[in-house]
């Protein structure tokens, strides 16, 4: 942690690797369909391959764009600012302007949404090193913050047989 920082959370390495595999797949899939365009001589197969190429290219571009915007490190500074560090650089916003945090609002890469007073929305993955610690630090910095967790609660462990399965 650097001077002036009260908390720092990084995206987990396992999540970064999964995201990288997904981006590689999204880039290579259109190339496979492009290859099929020139190998398969039937008109119907060429039409299907062309449509699949266009669709998978769109998904690949969206995946690459999102991967580039993904914040790698989130910091809560002592001066009351929330900073995110990504490939685009460092962005900083005051925590006092933070109004709500929604966890688990959607499927996919960005399941945490931080909403600020001016209507700006910061999307973060929940794959931080210590998500509960991050939310607790935000609650300490902004006491009237509304945190909503949309994820279903984990089921309790089975009771009774002590794990012997009789």
Protein backbone atom coordinates (compact mmCIF):
# COMPACT_ATOMS: atom_id res chain seq x y z
CA UNK A 1 0.00 0.00 0.00
CA UNK A 2 1.30 3.45 -0.87
CA UNK A 3 1.32 6.46 1.41
CA UNK A 4 -2.10 8.07 1.63
CA UNK A 5 -3.98 4.84 0.91
CA UNK A 6 -6.35 3.30 3.45
CA UNK A 7 -7.17 0.22 1.38
CA UNK A 8 -6.16 -1.44 -1.86
CA UNK A 9 -7.90 -4.32 -3.61
CA UNK A 10 -6.68 -6.07 -6.75
CA UNK A 11 -8.52 -8.28 -9.20
CA UNK A 12 -7.75 -11.92 -8.40
CA UNK A 13 -5.20 -13.67 -10.61
CA UNK A 14 -7.57 -16.58 -11.28
CA UNK A 15 -10.21 -14.18 -12.64
CA UNK A 16 -7.65 -12.46 -14.87
CA UNK A 17 -6.60 -15.80 -16.32
CA UNK A 18 -10.23 -16.83 -16.98
CA UNK A 19 -10.90 -13.50 -18.64
CA UNK A 20 -7.80 -13.90 -20.81
CA UNK A 21 -8.92 -17.36 -21.95
CA UNK A 22 -12.36 -15.99 -22.80
CA UNK A 23 -10.89 -13.12 -24.83
CA UNK A 24 -8.57 -15.48 -26.71
CA UNK A 25 -11.52 -17.72 -27.53
CA UNK A 26 -13.59 -14.74 -28.65
CA UNK A 27 -10.79 -13.67 -31.01
CA UNK A 28 -9.98 -17.12 -32.41
CA UNK A 29 -13.58 -18.19 -33.01
CA UNK A 30 -14.18 -15.64 -35.81
CA UNK A 31 -10.94 -16.76 -37.46
CA UNK A 32 -12.24 -20.35 -37.47
CA UNK A 33 -15.48 -19.29 -39.16
CA UNK A 34 -13.50 -17.19 -41.65
CA UNK A 35 -11.45 -20.28 -42.52
CA UNK A 36 -14.67 -22.24 -43.05
CA UNK A 37 -15.78 -19.62 -45.56
CA UNK A 38 -12.97 -20.60 -47.90
CA UNK A 39 -12.76 -24.34 -47.21
CA UNK A 40 -16.40 -25.46 -47.47
CA UNK A 41 -17.65 -25.07 -51.07
CA UNK A 42 -21.43 -25.32 -50.50
CA UNK A 43 -23.41 -22.09 -50.75
CA UNK A 44 -25.44 -22.77 -47.61
CA UNK A 45 -22.32 -23.55 -45.59
CA UNK A 46 -20.70 -20.35 -46.83
CA UNK A 47 -23.76 -18.33 -45.84
CA UNK A 48 -23.89 -19.89 -42.37
CA UNK A 49 -20.14 -19.39 -41.91
CA UNK A 50 -20.42 -15.75 -42.98
CA UNK A 51 -23.22 -15.09 -40.47
CA UNK A 52 -21.32 -16.88 -37.69
CA UNK A 53 -18.18 -14.91 -38.58
CA UNK A 54 -20.00 -11.58 -38.28
CA UNK A 55 -21.70 -12.55 -35.00
CA UNK A 56 -18.57 -13.91 -33.36
CA UNK A 57 -16.56 -10.88 -34.55
CA UNK A 58 -19.05 -8.64 -32.76
CA UNK A 59 -18.67 -10.65 -29.56
CA UNK A 60 -14.87 -10.56 -29.91
CA UNK A 61 -14.79 -6.78 -30.28
CA UNK A 62 -17.08 -6.35 -27.27
CA UNK A 63 -14.94 -8.72 -25.18
CA UNK A 64 -11.71 -6.94 -26.12
CA UNK A 65 -13.23 -3.54 -25.34
CA UNK A 66 -14.46 -4.69 -21.93
CA UNK A 67 -11.17 -6.40 -21.07
CA UNK A 68 -9.26 -3.19 -21.78
CA UNK A 69 -11.59 -1.17 -19.53
CA UNK A 70 -11.45 -3.65 -16.65
CA UNK A 71 -10.01 -1.98 -13.52
CA UNK A 72 -7.05 -3.96 -12.17
CA UNK A 73 -6.69 -2.20 -8.80
CA UNK A 74 -9.19 -0.30 -6.62
CA UNK A 75 -7.88 2.05 -3.93
CA UNK A 76 -9.61 3.93 -1.16
CA UNK A 77 -7.43 6.98 -0.46
CA UNK A 78 -7.09 8.73 2.91
CA UNK A 79 -8.38 11.96 1.36
CA UNK A 80 -11.76 10.26 0.74
CA UNK A 81 -11.38 9.38 -2.93
CA UNK A 82 -12.02 6.06 -4.64
CA UNK A 83 -9.41 5.41 -7.35
CA UNK A 84 -9.48 2.73 -10.02
CA UNK A 85 -6.41 1.79 -12.02
CA UNK A 86 -6.79 0.22 -15.45
CA UNK A 87 -4.97 0.24 -18.79
CA UNK A 88 -6.66 3.57 -19.55
CA UNK A 89 -5.00 5.12 -16.51
CA UNK A 90 -6.18 6.14 -13.05
CA UNK A 91 -9.68 7.47 -12.44
CA UNK A 92 -10.66 8.98 -9.11
CA UNK A 93 -14.02 10.00 -7.64
CA UNK A 94 -14.99 11.23 -4.15
CA UNK A 95 -16.47 8.57 -1.87
CA UNK A 96 -18.79 11.21 -0.39
CA UNK A 97 -20.62 11.29 -3.74
CA UNK A 98 -21.19 7.53 -3.67
CA UNK A 99 -24.89 6.75 -3.15
CA UNK A 100 -25.36 3.01 -3.67
CA UNK A 101 -23.56 -0.24 -4.35
CA UNK A 102 -25.40 -3.10 -6.06
CA UNK A 103 -23.63 -6.46 -5.89
CA UNK A 104 -24.72 -9.24 -8.22
CA UNK A 105 -26.93 -7.07 -10.43
CA UNK A 106 -26.12 -8.95 -13.63
CA UNK A 107 -24.36 -11.98 -14.98
CA UNK A 108 -20.93 -11.70 -16.49
CA UNK A 109 -17.82 -9.71 -15.83
CA UNK A 110 -19.30 -6.61 -14.15
CA UNK A 111 -21.59 -7.81 -11.37
CA UNK A 112 -20.96 -4.84 -9.01
CA UNK A 113 -22.31 -1.37 -9.77
CA UNK A 114 -21.37 1.76 -7.79
CA UNK A 115 -23.72 4.71 -8.38
CA UNK A 116 -22.66 8.28 -7.61
CA UNK A 117 -24.79 11.35 -6.80
CA UNK A 118 -24.32 12.87 -10.27
CA UNK A 119 -25.67 9.69 -11.91
CA UNK A 120 -22.29 8.31 -12.92
CA UNK A 121 -21.94 4.53 -12.64
CA UNK A 122 -18.71 2.66 -11.97
CA UNK A 123 -18.84 -1.05 -12.81
CA UNK A 124 -16.44 -3.42 -11.10
CA UNK A 125 -16.07 -7.18 -11.03
CA UNK A 126 -16.74 -8.84 -7.68
CA UNK A 127 -13.53 -10.84 -8.06
CA UNK A 128 -11.55 -8.56 -5.74
CA UNK A 129 -9.04 -10.00 -3.27
CA UNK A 130 -11.33 -9.21 -0.32
CA UNK A 131 -14.80 -8.13 -1.47
CA UNK A 132 -16.24 -8.03 2.06
CA UNK A 133 -13.32 -5.88 3.24
CA UNK A 134 -13.86 -3.53 0.29
CA UNK A 135 -17.56 -3.12 1.07
CA UNK A 136 -16.81 -2.60 4.78
CA UNK A 137 -14.23 0.09 3.95
CA UNK A 138 -16.76 1.87 1.71
CA UNK A 139 -19.34 1.67 4.52
CA UNK A 140 -16.83 3.22 6.97
CA UNK A 141 -15.96 6.01 4.52
CA UNK A 142 -19.62 6.71 3.62
CA UNK A 143 -21.92 5.71 6.54
CA UNK A 144 -25.22 6.40 4.73
CA UNK A 145 -24.24 4.25 1.74
CA UNK A 146 -26.89 1.78 0.53
CA UNK A 147 -25.34 -1.64 -0.21
CA UNK A 148 -27.67 -4.15 -1.88
CA UNK A 149 -26.55 -7.73 -2.40
CA UNK A 150 -28.65 -9.48 -5.05
CA UNK A 151 -26.77 -12.77 -4.80
CA UNK A 152 -28.72 -15.64 -3.23
CA UNK A 153 -27.48 -16.64 0.23
CA UNK A 154 -25.31 -19.73 0.41
CA UNK A 155 -27.20 -22.80 1.64
CA UNK A 156 -26.32 -23.98 5.14
CA UNK A 157 -24.20 -27.11 5.41
CA UNK A 158 -26.14 -30.35 5.91
CA UNK A 159 -26.63 -31.23 9.54
CA UNK A 160 -27.03 -34.54 11.26
CA UNK A 161 -24.76 -37.31 10.05
CA UNK A 162 -21.44 -35.50 10.57
CA UNK A 163 -20.44 -35.94 6.92
CA UNK A 164 -20.45 -39.76 6.99
CA UNK A 165 -23.36 -40.07 4.53
CA UNK A 166 -25.14 -43.06 6.09
